[in-house]
């Protein structure tokens, strides 16, 4: 995902939870020269998700539960997009007004703590 010029394409319901919440950062080298400050500048004050070009994904949140929830779905959305692009078919994008409406709906309807508890319980089942 981080190597795609397109960035995240808003073409399915699940990715709309990240609409207007994704920042991008160009790869500069190994993070040895205080790259963290540059990454923080790229993230800004109003974004929680980041695609580091040629490197990977970053998620920020106010809690561990929310960070895990968002990162899980961010990775799933990236995987879905890469699979869709691999078909070499034209992707159907969702209109901006629908993206905005759905993003607001997601922000009001998600119980991140509950989703985190479900995730932990599922993880425990797989370990058994």
N, C-alpha and C. Protein backbone atom coordinates (compact mmCIF):
# COMPACT_ATOMS: atom_id res chain seq x y z
N UNK A 1 0.83 -1.20 0.00
CA UNK A 1 0.00 0.00 0.00
C UNK A 1 0.87 1.25 0.00
N UNK A 2 1.92 1.23 0.78
CA UNK A 2 2.74 2.44 0.91
C UNK A 2 3.54 2.74 -0.36
N UNK A 3 3.59 1.78 -1.27
CA UNK A 3 4.33 2.02 -2.51
C UNK A 3 3.42 2.40 -3.68
N UNK A 4 2.13 2.53 -3.41
CA UNK A 4 1.19 2.90 -4.46
C UNK A 4 1.06 4.41 -4.55
N UNK A 5 1.19 4.93 -5.74
CA UNK A 5 1.08 6.37 -5.96
C UNK A 5 -0.32 6.89 -5.62
N UNK A 6 -1.32 6.06 -5.78
CA UNK A 6 -2.70 6.49 -5.57
C UNK A 6 -3.02 6.83 -4.13
N UNK A 7 -2.26 6.29 -3.18
CA UNK A 7 -2.67 6.43 -1.79
C UNK A 7 -3.93 5.62 -1.57
N UNK A 8 -4.62 5.91 -0.50
CA UNK A 8 -5.85 5.18 -0.19
C UNK A 8 -6.96 5.66 -1.12
N UNK A 9 -7.64 4.72 -1.73
CA UNK A 9 -8.76 5.03 -2.62
C UNK A 9 -10.04 4.72 -1.85
N UNK A 10 -10.95 5.66 -1.84
CA UNK A 10 -12.19 5.51 -1.07
C UNK A 10 -13.25 4.86 -1.95
N UNK A 11 -13.18 3.53 -2.02
CA UNK A 11 -14.04 2.79 -2.93
C UNK A 11 -14.82 1.66 -2.26
N UNK A 12 -14.82 1.63 -0.92
CA UNK A 12 -15.64 0.64 -0.23
C UNK A 12 -16.04 1.19 1.14
N UNK A 13 -17.06 0.61 1.69
CA UNK A 13 -17.61 1.11 2.95
C UNK A 13 -16.57 1.13 4.07
N UNK A 14 -15.78 0.09 4.21
CA UNK A 14 -14.86 0.00 5.34
C UNK A 14 -13.81 1.10 5.35
N UNK A 15 -13.32 1.49 4.20
CA UNK A 15 -12.28 2.51 4.15
C UNK A 15 -12.82 3.90 4.50
N UNK A 16 -14.12 4.07 4.42
CA UNK A 16 -14.70 5.39 4.70
C UNK A 16 -14.58 5.79 6.16
N UNK A 17 -14.29 4.84 7.05
CA UNK A 17 -14.04 5.21 8.45
C UNK A 17 -12.79 6.07 8.57
N UNK A 18 -11.95 6.10 7.51
CA UNK A 18 -10.70 6.87 7.52
C UNK A 18 -10.75 8.09 6.59
N UNK A 19 -11.91 8.38 6.06
CA UNK A 19 -12.03 9.51 5.14
C UNK A 19 -11.64 10.80 5.85
N UNK A 20 -10.79 11.58 5.22
CA UNK A 20 -10.26 12.84 5.78
C UNK A 20 -9.44 12.64 7.06
N UNK A 21 -8.93 11.44 7.27
CA UNK A 21 -8.15 11.16 8.47
C UNK A 21 -6.80 10.52 8.14
N UNK A 22 -6.36 10.61 6.89
CA UNK A 22 -5.11 9.98 6.47
C UNK A 22 -4.13 11.05 6.00
N UNK A 23 -2.94 11.01 6.58
CA UNK A 23 -1.84 11.88 6.16
C UNK A 23 -0.81 11.01 5.42
N UNK A 24 0.06 11.66 4.69
CA UNK A 24 1.10 10.96 3.94
C UNK A 24 2.46 11.57 4.28
N UNK A 25 3.48 10.73 4.25
CA UNK A 25 4.84 11.18 4.54
C UNK A 25 5.79 10.51 3.55
N UNK A 26 6.62 11.31 2.89
CA UNK A 26 7.57 10.76 1.94
C UNK A 26 8.75 10.14 2.65
N UNK A 27 9.21 9.02 2.13
CA UNK A 27 10.34 8.31 2.70
C UNK A 27 11.60 9.14 2.52
N UNK A 28 12.39 9.28 3.60
CA UNK A 28 13.61 10.07 3.54
C UNK A 28 14.86 9.26 3.79
N UNK A 29 14.79 8.22 4.55
CA UNK A 29 15.89 7.30 4.87
C UNK A 29 15.53 6.60 6.17
N UNK A 30 16.48 5.88 6.74
CA UNK A 30 16.24 5.28 8.05
C UNK A 30 15.98 6.39 9.05
N UNK A 31 15.16 6.11 10.04
CA UNK A 31 14.78 7.11 11.03
C UNK A 31 15.88 7.28 12.07
N UNK A 32 17.03 7.72 11.63
CA UNK A 32 18.16 7.90 12.53
C UNK A 32 18.45 9.36 12.83
N UNK A 33 17.94 10.25 11.99
CA UNK A 33 18.22 11.69 12.13
C UNK A 33 16.99 12.45 12.57
N UNK A 34 16.35 11.98 13.61
CA UNK A 34 15.15 12.60 14.17
C UNK A 34 14.01 12.69 13.14
N UNK A 35 13.84 11.61 12.41
CA UNK A 35 12.75 11.52 11.43
C UNK A 35 11.40 11.68 12.12
N UNK A 36 11.33 11.39 13.41
CA UNK A 36 10.08 11.49 14.15
C UNK A 36 9.46 12.86 14.08
N UNK A 37 10.27 13.91 14.16
CA UNK A 37 9.75 15.28 14.06
C UNK A 37 9.12 15.52 12.69
N UNK A 38 9.76 15.03 11.66
CA UNK A 38 9.23 15.21 10.30
C UNK A 38 7.93 14.42 10.12
N UNK A 39 7.89 13.22 10.68
CA UNK A 39 6.67 12.42 10.61
C UNK A 39 5.54 13.12 11.35
N UNK A 40 5.83 13.67 12.53
CA UNK A 40 4.81 14.39 13.31
C UNK A 40 4.29 15.60 12.54
N UNK A 41 5.18 16.31 11.85
CA UNK A 41 4.74 17.45 11.03
C UNK A 41 3.80 17.00 9.92
N UNK A 42 4.15 15.89 9.27
CA UNK A 42 3.30 15.37 8.19
C UNK A 42 1.95 14.92 8.72
N UNK A 43 1.93 14.34 9.92
CA UNK A 43 0.68 13.88 10.52
C UNK A 43 -0.21 15.05 10.87
N UNK A 44 0.39 16.11 11.40
CA UNK A 44 -0.39 17.29 11.76
C UNK A 44 -1.24 17.04 12.99
N UNK A 45 -2.05 18.01 13.32
CA UNK A 45 -2.87 17.94 14.54
C UNK A 45 -4.22 17.29 14.30
N UNK A 46 -4.62 17.13 13.04
CA UNK A 46 -5.99 16.65 12.80
C UNK A 46 -6.08 15.32 12.07
N UNK A 47 -4.98 14.60 11.94
CA UNK A 47 -5.01 13.28 11.29
C UNK A 47 -4.55 12.23 12.29
N UNK A 48 -5.11 11.03 12.16
CA UNK A 48 -4.75 9.93 13.05
C UNK A 48 -4.08 8.77 12.33
N UNK A 49 -4.23 8.73 11.03
CA UNK A 49 -3.68 7.64 10.24
C UNK A 49 -2.63 8.21 9.30
N UNK A 50 -1.61 7.39 9.02
CA UNK A 50 -0.57 7.87 8.10
C UNK A 50 -0.08 6.73 7.23
N UNK A 51 0.14 7.06 5.98
CA UNK A 51 0.82 6.15 5.07
C UNK A 51 2.20 6.75 4.83
N UNK A 52 3.21 6.04 5.29
CA UNK A 52 4.60 6.46 5.06
C UNK A 52 4.99 5.85 3.72
N UNK A 53 5.15 6.69 2.70
CA UNK A 53 5.49 6.18 1.38
C UNK A 53 6.73 5.30 1.45
N UNK A 54 6.65 4.18 0.76
CA UNK A 54 7.75 3.22 0.66
C UNK A 54 8.16 2.63 2.00
N UNK A 55 7.27 2.67 2.99
CA UNK A 55 7.64 2.15 4.30
C UNK A 55 6.50 1.40 4.98
N UNK A 56 5.38 2.05 5.28
CA UNK A 56 4.31 1.34 5.99
C UNK A 56 3.22 2.26 6.50
N UNK A 57 2.49 1.77 7.48
CA UNK A 57 1.34 2.47 8.03
C UNK A 57 1.57 2.84 9.49
N UNK A 58 1.02 3.97 9.90
CA UNK A 58 1.08 4.40 11.30
C UNK A 58 -0.34 4.76 11.73
N UNK A 59 -0.66 4.41 12.97
CA UNK A 59 -1.94 4.75 13.56
C UNK A 59 -1.71 5.47 14.88
N UNK A 60 -2.43 6.55 15.12
CA UNK A 60 -2.38 7.21 16.42
C UNK A 60 -3.79 7.25 16.98
N UNK A 61 -3.89 7.28 18.30
CA UNK A 61 -5.21 7.33 18.96
C UNK A 61 -5.03 7.72 20.41
N UNK A 62 -6.14 7.99 21.06
CA UNK A 62 -6.13 8.39 22.46
C UNK A 62 -6.10 7.20 23.42
N UNK A 63 -6.24 5.99 22.89
CA UNK A 63 -6.21 4.80 23.74
C UNK A 63 -5.66 3.63 22.94
N UNK A 64 -5.22 2.62 23.67
CA UNK A 64 -4.72 1.40 23.03
C UNK A 64 -5.85 0.72 22.26
N UNK A 65 -7.03 0.68 22.87
CA UNK A 65 -8.17 0.04 22.22
C UNK A 65 -8.49 0.69 20.87
N UNK A 66 -8.54 2.00 20.87
CA UNK A 66 -8.86 2.72 19.64
C UNK A 66 -7.75 2.57 18.60
N UNK A 67 -6.50 2.61 19.03
CA UNK A 67 -5.38 2.44 18.10
C UNK A 67 -5.41 1.06 17.46
N UNK A 68 -5.64 0.03 18.25
CA UNK A 68 -5.70 -1.33 17.72
C UNK A 68 -6.87 -1.48 16.75
N UNK A 69 -8.02 -0.98 17.14
CA UNK A 69 -9.21 -1.04 16.30
C UNK A 69 -8.94 -0.37 14.95
N UNK A 70 -8.44 0.86 15.00
CA UNK A 70 -8.20 1.60 13.76
C UNK A 70 -7.11 0.95 12.91
N UNK A 71 -6.03 0.53 13.53
CA UNK A 71 -4.93 -0.05 12.75
C UNK A 71 -5.36 -1.36 12.09
N UNK A 72 -6.12 -2.16 12.80
CA UNK A 72 -6.62 -3.41 12.23
C UNK A 72 -7.40 -3.13 10.95
N UNK A 73 -8.35 -2.19 11.03
CA UNK A 73 -9.16 -1.88 9.85
C UNK A 73 -8.37 -1.14 8.78
N UNK A 74 -7.39 -0.35 9.17
CA UNK A 74 -6.53 0.34 8.21
C UNK A 74 -5.76 -0.69 7.37
N UNK A 75 -5.20 -1.69 8.03
CA UNK A 75 -4.49 -2.74 7.31
C UNK A 75 -5.43 -3.54 6.42
N UNK A 76 -6.63 -3.84 6.92
CA UNK A 76 -7.61 -4.58 6.12
C UNK A 76 -8.02 -3.78 4.88
N UNK A 77 -8.19 -2.49 5.03
CA UNK A 77 -8.55 -1.64 3.89
C UNK A 77 -7.42 -1.57 2.87
N UNK A 78 -6.19 -1.49 3.35
CA UNK A 78 -5.04 -1.49 2.45
C UNK A 78 -4.98 -2.81 1.68
N UNK A 79 -5.18 -3.91 2.39
CA UNK A 79 -5.17 -5.23 1.76
C UNK A 79 -6.28 -5.35 0.71
N UNK A 80 -7.46 -4.86 1.04
CA UNK A 80 -8.59 -4.90 0.10
C UNK A 80 -8.27 -4.10 -1.15
N UNK A 81 -7.66 -2.92 -0.97
CA UNK A 81 -7.34 -2.09 -2.13
C UNK A 81 -6.31 -2.76 -3.02
N UNK A 82 -5.27 -3.31 -2.42
CA UNK A 82 -4.23 -3.97 -3.22
C UNK A 82 -4.83 -5.15 -4.00
N UNK A 83 -5.69 -5.91 -3.36
CA UNK A 83 -6.34 -7.02 -4.06
C UNK A 83 -7.22 -6.52 -5.20
N UNK A 84 -7.97 -5.45 -4.96
CA UNK A 84 -8.83 -4.91 -6.01
C UNK A 84 -8.00 -4.39 -7.18
N UNK A 85 -6.91 -3.70 -6.87
CA UNK A 85 -6.06 -3.18 -7.93
C UNK A 85 -5.41 -4.30 -8.74
N UNK A 86 -5.17 -5.43 -8.12
CA UNK A 86 -4.51 -6.55 -8.81
C UNK A 86 -5.39 -7.15 -9.90
N UNK A 87 -6.68 -6.83 -9.90
CA UNK A 87 -7.58 -7.34 -10.94
C UNK A 87 -7.41 -6.59 -12.26
N UNK A 88 -6.73 -5.44 -12.21
CA UNK A 88 -6.57 -4.57 -13.38
C UNK A 88 -7.90 -4.05 -13.94
N UNK A 89 -8.91 -4.04 -13.10
CA UNK A 89 -10.21 -3.48 -13.47
C UNK A 89 -10.28 -2.05 -12.93
N UNK A 90 -11.09 -1.23 -13.55
CA UNK A 90 -11.29 0.13 -13.06
C UNK A 90 -12.07 0.06 -11.75
N UNK A 91 -11.60 0.79 -10.73
CA UNK A 91 -12.26 0.79 -9.43
C UNK A 91 -13.35 1.87 -9.40
N UNK A 92 -14.42 1.58 -8.71
CA UNK A 92 -15.52 2.52 -8.57
C UNK A 92 -15.30 3.32 -7.29
N UNK A 93 -15.10 4.61 -7.43
CA UNK A 93 -14.95 5.46 -6.25
C UNK A 93 -16.32 5.93 -5.77
N UNK A 94 -16.38 6.24 -4.49
CA UNK A 94 -17.61 6.70 -3.88
C UNK A 94 -17.61 8.23 -3.89
N UNK A 95 -18.72 8.87 -4.23
CA UNK A 95 -18.75 10.34 -4.28
C UNK A 95 -18.39 10.97 -2.93
N UNK A 96 -17.78 12.14 -2.99
CA UNK A 96 -17.30 12.85 -1.80
C UNK A 96 -18.39 13.03 -0.75
N UNK A 97 -19.57 13.44 -1.15
CA UNK A 97 -20.62 13.68 -0.16
C UNK A 97 -21.03 12.40 0.56
N UNK A 98 -20.98 11.27 -0.14
CA UNK A 98 -21.29 9.98 0.50
C UNK A 98 -20.14 9.58 1.43
N UNK A 99 -18.92 9.85 1.01
CA UNK A 99 -17.75 9.57 1.87
C UNK A 99 -17.85 10.35 3.18
N UNK A 100 -18.16 11.63 3.08
CA UNK A 100 -18.25 12.47 4.27
C UNK A 100 -19.37 12.01 5.20
N UNK A 101 -20.53 11.70 4.63
CA UNK A 101 -21.67 11.24 5.43
C UNK A 101 -21.34 9.94 6.14
N UNK A 102 -20.74 9.00 5.43
CA UNK A 102 -20.43 7.70 6.02
C UNK A 102 -19.36 7.81 7.08
N UNK A 103 -18.35 8.66 6.84
CA UNK A 103 -17.31 8.87 7.85
C UNK A 103 -17.91 9.40 9.15
N UNK A 104 -18.85 10.32 9.05
CA UNK A 104 -19.53 10.85 10.24
C UNK A 104 -20.33 9.75 10.94
N UNK A 105 -20.99 8.93 10.14
CA UNK A 105 -21.75 7.83 10.73
C UNK A 105 -20.84 6.88 11.48
N UNK A 106 -19.69 6.54 10.90
CA UNK A 106 -18.73 5.67 11.57
C UNK A 106 -18.27 6.30 12.90
N UNK A 107 -17.96 7.59 12.88
CA UNK A 107 -17.42 8.23 14.08
C UNK A 107 -18.44 8.26 15.22
N UNK A 108 -19.73 8.25 14.88
CA UNK A 108 -20.77 8.28 15.90
C UNK A 108 -21.20 6.90 16.37
N UNK A 109 -21.00 5.88 15.54
CA UNK A 109 -21.59 4.58 15.84
C UNK A 109 -20.62 3.54 16.39
N UNK A 110 -19.34 3.80 16.34
CA UNK A 110 -18.38 2.78 16.74
C UNK A 110 -18.11 2.80 18.24
N UNK A 111 -18.17 1.63 18.84
CA UNK A 111 -17.80 1.46 20.24
C UNK A 111 -16.44 0.76 20.24
N UNK A 112 -15.37 1.54 20.31
CA UNK A 112 -14.02 1.00 20.16
C UNK A 112 -13.65 0.05 21.30
N UNK A 113 -14.08 0.35 22.50
CA UNK A 113 -13.79 -0.51 23.64
C UNK A 113 -14.41 -1.88 23.43
N UNK A 114 -15.66 -1.89 23.00
CA UNK A 114 -16.35 -3.15 22.75
C UNK A 114 -15.66 -3.93 21.63
N UNK A 115 -15.28 -3.26 20.57
CA UNK A 115 -14.59 -3.91 19.46
C UNK A 115 -13.25 -4.48 19.91
N UNK A 116 -12.54 -3.76 20.77
CA UNK A 116 -11.26 -4.22 21.30
C UNK A 116 -11.48 -5.49 22.13
N UNK A 117 -12.50 -5.51 22.97
CA UNK A 117 -12.78 -6.68 23.80
C UNK A 117 -13.10 -7.90 22.93
N UNK A 118 -13.86 -7.70 21.86
CA UNK A 118 -14.16 -8.80 20.94
C UNK A 118 -12.87 -9.32 20.31
N UNK A 119 -12.01 -8.41 19.88
CA UNK A 119 -10.74 -8.79 19.27
C UNK A 119 -9.89 -9.61 20.25
N UNK A 120 -9.79 -9.16 21.49
CA UNK A 120 -8.99 -9.86 22.51
C UNK A 120 -9.57 -11.26 22.75
N UNK A 121 -10.88 -11.36 22.85
CA UNK A 121 -11.51 -12.66 23.07
C UNK A 121 -11.28 -13.62 21.90
N UNK A 122 -11.32 -13.10 20.68
CA UNK A 122 -11.04 -13.94 19.52
C UNK A 122 -9.59 -14.40 19.51
N UNK A 123 -8.69 -13.51 19.89
CA UNK A 123 -7.26 -13.85 19.95
C UNK A 123 -7.03 -14.95 20.97
N UNK A 124 -7.69 -14.87 22.10
CA UNK A 124 -7.55 -15.91 23.13
C UNK A 124 -8.01 -17.26 22.62
N UNK A 125 -9.08 -17.30 21.82
CA UNK A 125 -9.60 -18.56 21.26
C UNK A 125 -8.56 -19.20 20.35
N UNK A 126 -7.86 -18.38 19.57
CA UNK A 126 -6.89 -18.93 18.62
C UNK A 126 -5.65 -19.44 19.33
N UNK A 127 -5.34 -18.90 20.47
CA UNK A 127 -4.18 -19.35 21.23
C UNK A 127 -4.43 -20.67 21.94
N UNK A 128 -5.70 -20.96 22.20
CA UNK A 128 -6.05 -22.18 22.95
C UNK A 128 -5.86 -23.43 22.14
